[in-house]
Amino acid sequence: MYHLTVYDQEGNKLVDEPIEAKSDDEAKKKGHTILSEKEYQGYPFRIVHSAGRLVEFQSHQPKKATP
């Protein structure tokens, strides 16, 4: 069992749901499908195994300073 959590740039949870998968690769594919369906590509997220192992992580992107 795996878990996907997606955050906005301020750290608020947008998605927090389990992923049923038999391998890390399958969990990544399913996680990316969820990100795509909800249009959250580019948002900070993590996919973790139920044992606590981090499978994939994307941190937030710092805001660029405007001149």
N, C-alpha and C. Protein backbone atom coordinates (compact mmCIF):
# COMPACT_ATOMS: atom_id res chain seq x y z
N MET A 1 0.85 -1.17 0.00
CA MET A 1 0.00 0.00 0.00
C MET A 1 0.89 1.24 0.00
N TYR A 2 0.47 2.25 -0.73
CA TYR A 2 1.20 3.50 -0.87
C TYR A 2 0.24 4.66 -0.57
N HIS A 3 0.80 5.85 -0.49
CA HIS A 3 -0.02 7.02 -0.19
C HIS A 3 0.53 8.23 -0.96
N LEU A 4 -0.39 8.98 -1.57
CA LEU A 4 -0.04 10.20 -2.31
C LEU A 4 -0.56 11.40 -1.55
N THR A 5 0.30 12.37 -1.34
CA THR A 5 -0.09 13.64 -0.74
C THR A 5 0.42 14.77 -1.64
N VAL A 6 -0.49 15.69 -1.97
CA VAL A 6 -0.16 16.84 -2.81
C VAL A 6 -0.43 18.10 -2.01
N TYR A 7 0.46 19.09 -2.15
CA TYR A 7 0.36 20.33 -1.40
C TYR A 7 0.30 21.53 -2.35
N ASP A 8 -0.29 22.62 -1.87
CA ASP A 8 -0.17 23.87 -2.64
C ASP A 8 1.14 24.54 -2.23
N GLN A 9 1.44 25.67 -2.80
CA GLN A 9 2.72 26.34 -2.54
C GLN A 9 2.85 26.84 -1.10
N GLU A 10 1.73 26.95 -0.39
CA GLU A 10 1.78 27.39 1.01
C GLU A 10 1.84 26.21 1.98
N GLY A 11 1.80 24.97 1.45
CA GLY A 11 1.90 23.79 2.30
C GLY A 11 0.57 23.19 2.72
N ASN A 12 -0.56 23.68 2.20
CA ASN A 12 -1.86 23.12 2.50
C ASN A 12 -2.10 21.87 1.66
N LYS A 13 -2.70 20.84 2.25
CA LYS A 13 -2.96 19.60 1.53
C LYS A 13 -4.07 19.80 0.51
N LEU A 14 -3.81 19.34 -0.71
CA LEU A 14 -4.80 19.36 -1.78
C LEU A 14 -5.34 17.96 -2.05
N VAL A 15 -4.46 16.96 -1.94
CA VAL A 15 -4.83 15.56 -2.14
C VAL A 15 -4.15 14.76 -1.05
N ASP A 16 -4.88 13.80 -0.51
CA ASP A 16 -4.34 12.92 0.53
C ASP A 16 -5.06 11.59 0.39
N GLU A 17 -4.53 10.70 -0.44
CA GLU A 17 -5.25 9.46 -0.70
C GLU A 17 -4.33 8.26 -0.88
N PRO A 18 -4.85 7.08 -0.54
CA PRO A 18 -4.08 5.85 -0.69
C PRO A 18 -3.98 5.43 -2.15
N ILE A 19 -2.92 4.69 -2.46
CA ILE A 19 -2.73 4.13 -3.80
C ILE A 19 -2.48 2.63 -3.61
N GLU A 20 -3.29 1.80 -4.24
CA GLU A 20 -3.08 0.35 -4.22
C GLU A 20 -2.12 0.01 -5.35
N ALA A 21 -0.97 -0.52 -5.01
CA ALA A 21 0.03 -0.89 -6.02
C ALA A 21 0.90 -2.01 -5.46
N LYS A 22 1.46 -2.79 -6.38
CA LYS A 22 2.31 -3.92 -5.98
C LYS A 22 3.79 -3.60 -6.03
N SER A 23 4.14 -2.43 -6.61
CA SER A 23 5.55 -2.06 -6.70
C SER A 23 5.69 -0.54 -6.66
N ASP A 24 6.91 -0.08 -6.43
CA ASP A 24 7.17 1.36 -6.43
C ASP A 24 6.85 1.97 -7.79
N ASP A 25 7.24 1.27 -8.86
CA ASP A 25 6.98 1.79 -10.21
C ASP A 25 5.49 1.93 -10.49
N GLU A 26 4.73 0.93 -10.08
CA GLU A 26 3.28 0.99 -10.28
C GLU A 26 2.67 2.13 -9.46
N ALA A 27 3.16 2.33 -8.24
CA ALA A 27 2.67 3.43 -7.40
C ALA A 27 2.99 4.78 -8.04
N LYS A 28 4.19 4.92 -8.61
CA LYS A 28 4.56 6.16 -9.29
C LYS A 28 3.64 6.43 -10.46
N LYS A 29 3.38 5.40 -11.29
CA LYS A 29 2.50 5.57 -12.44
C LYS A 29 1.11 6.00 -12.00
N LYS A 30 0.57 5.31 -11.01
CA LYS A 30 -0.78 5.65 -10.52
C LYS A 30 -0.79 7.03 -9.91
N GLY A 31 0.26 7.39 -9.17
CA GLY A 31 0.35 8.72 -8.58
C GLY A 31 0.37 9.81 -9.63
N HIS A 32 1.14 9.60 -10.69
CA HIS A 32 1.23 10.60 -11.76
C HIS A 32 -0.09 10.69 -12.54
N THR A 33 -0.81 9.57 -12.63
CA THR A 33 -2.14 9.60 -13.26
C THR A 33 -3.08 10.47 -12.44
N ILE A 34 -3.05 10.33 -11.14
CA ILE A 34 -3.90 11.15 -10.26
C ILE A 34 -3.51 12.62 -10.39
N LEU A 35 -2.22 12.91 -10.39
CA LEU A 35 -1.76 14.29 -10.55
C LEU A 35 -2.28 14.88 -11.86
N SER A 36 -2.22 14.11 -12.91
CA SER A 36 -2.67 14.57 -14.22
C SER A 36 -4.18 14.79 -14.24
N GLU A 37 -4.93 13.83 -13.71
CA GLU A 37 -6.39 13.93 -13.69
C GLU A 37 -6.86 15.16 -12.92
N LYS A 38 -6.18 15.46 -11.83
CA LYS A 38 -6.58 16.59 -10.99
C LYS A 38 -5.87 17.88 -11.38
N GLU A 39 -5.04 17.79 -12.43
CA GLU A 39 -4.28 18.94 -12.94
C GLU A 39 -3.36 19.55 -11.88
N TYR A 40 -2.66 18.67 -11.14
CA TYR A 40 -1.73 19.09 -10.11
C TYR A 40 -0.28 18.80 -10.49
N GLN A 41 0.02 18.64 -11.78
CA GLN A 41 1.41 18.47 -12.19
C GLN A 41 2.15 19.75 -11.82
N GLY A 42 3.34 19.62 -11.32
CA GLY A 42 4.13 20.79 -10.93
C GLY A 42 3.91 21.22 -9.49
N TYR A 43 2.91 20.64 -8.82
CA TYR A 43 2.70 20.95 -7.40
C TYR A 43 3.61 20.06 -6.56
N PRO A 44 3.94 20.51 -5.36
CA PRO A 44 4.73 19.66 -4.47
C PRO A 44 3.93 18.40 -4.10
N PHE A 45 4.58 17.24 -4.11
CA PHE A 45 3.89 16.00 -3.75
C PHE A 45 4.89 14.99 -3.22
N ARG A 46 4.32 13.96 -2.60
CA ARG A 46 5.15 12.83 -2.17
C ARG A 46 4.32 11.56 -2.31
N ILE A 47 5.02 10.49 -2.64
CA ILE A 47 4.44 9.16 -2.65
C ILE A 47 5.26 8.34 -1.68
N VAL A 48 4.59 7.75 -0.69
CA VAL A 48 5.29 6.96 0.33
C VAL A 48 4.68 5.57 0.42
N HIS A 49 5.52 4.61 0.76
CA HIS A 49 5.07 3.25 1.02
C HIS A 49 4.51 3.22 2.44
N SER A 50 3.59 2.30 2.70
CA SER A 50 2.98 2.23 4.03
C SER A 50 4.01 1.97 5.14
N ALA A 51 5.17 1.42 4.78
CA ALA A 51 6.25 1.20 5.76
C ALA A 51 7.01 2.49 6.07
N GLY A 52 6.65 3.58 5.37
CA GLY A 52 7.30 4.86 5.64
C GLY A 52 8.40 5.21 4.65
N ARG A 53 8.69 4.33 3.70
CA ARG A 53 9.74 4.57 2.71
C ARG A 53 9.26 5.59 1.68
N LEU A 54 10.07 6.62 1.47
CA LEU A 54 9.76 7.63 0.46
C LEU A 54 10.05 7.06 -0.92
N VAL A 55 9.03 7.07 -1.78
CA VAL A 55 9.15 6.50 -3.12
C VAL A 55 9.45 7.59 -4.14
N GLU A 56 8.76 8.73 -4.01
CA GLU A 56 9.01 9.86 -4.90
C GLU A 56 8.61 11.13 -4.18
N PHE A 57 9.36 12.21 -4.50
CA PHE A 57 9.13 13.48 -3.83
C PHE A 57 9.43 14.61 -4.80
N GLN A 58 8.55 15.58 -4.82
CA GLN A 58 8.81 16.81 -5.59
C GLN A 58 8.54 17.97 -4.65
N SER A 59 9.56 18.77 -4.38
CA SER A 59 9.40 19.88 -3.46
C SER A 59 8.76 21.07 -4.16
N HIS A 60 8.39 22.06 -3.38
CA HIS A 60 7.80 23.26 -3.97
C HIS A 60 8.86 24.04 -4.73
N GLN A 61 8.43 24.79 -5.68
CA GLN A 61 9.33 25.63 -6.46
C GLN A 61 9.27 27.03 -5.89
N PRO A 62 10.40 27.60 -5.50
CA PRO A 62 10.38 28.95 -4.94
C PRO A 62 9.84 29.95 -5.96
N LYS A 63 9.10 30.92 -5.43
CA LYS A 63 8.57 31.97 -6.30
C LYS A 63 9.72 32.85 -6.77
N LYS A 64 9.66 33.20 -8.04
CA LYS A 64 10.70 34.06 -8.60
C LYS A 64 10.41 35.52 -8.25
N ALA A 65 11.44 36.23 -7.92
CA ALA A 65 11.29 37.65 -7.59
C ALA A 65 10.92 38.42 -8.85
N THR A 66 9.99 39.33 -8.70
CA THR A 66 9.62 40.17 -9.84
C THR A 66 10.37 41.49 -9.76
N PRO A 67 10.89 41.93 -10.88
CA PRO A 67 11.69 43.18 -10.86
C PRO A 67 10.82 44.40 -10.63
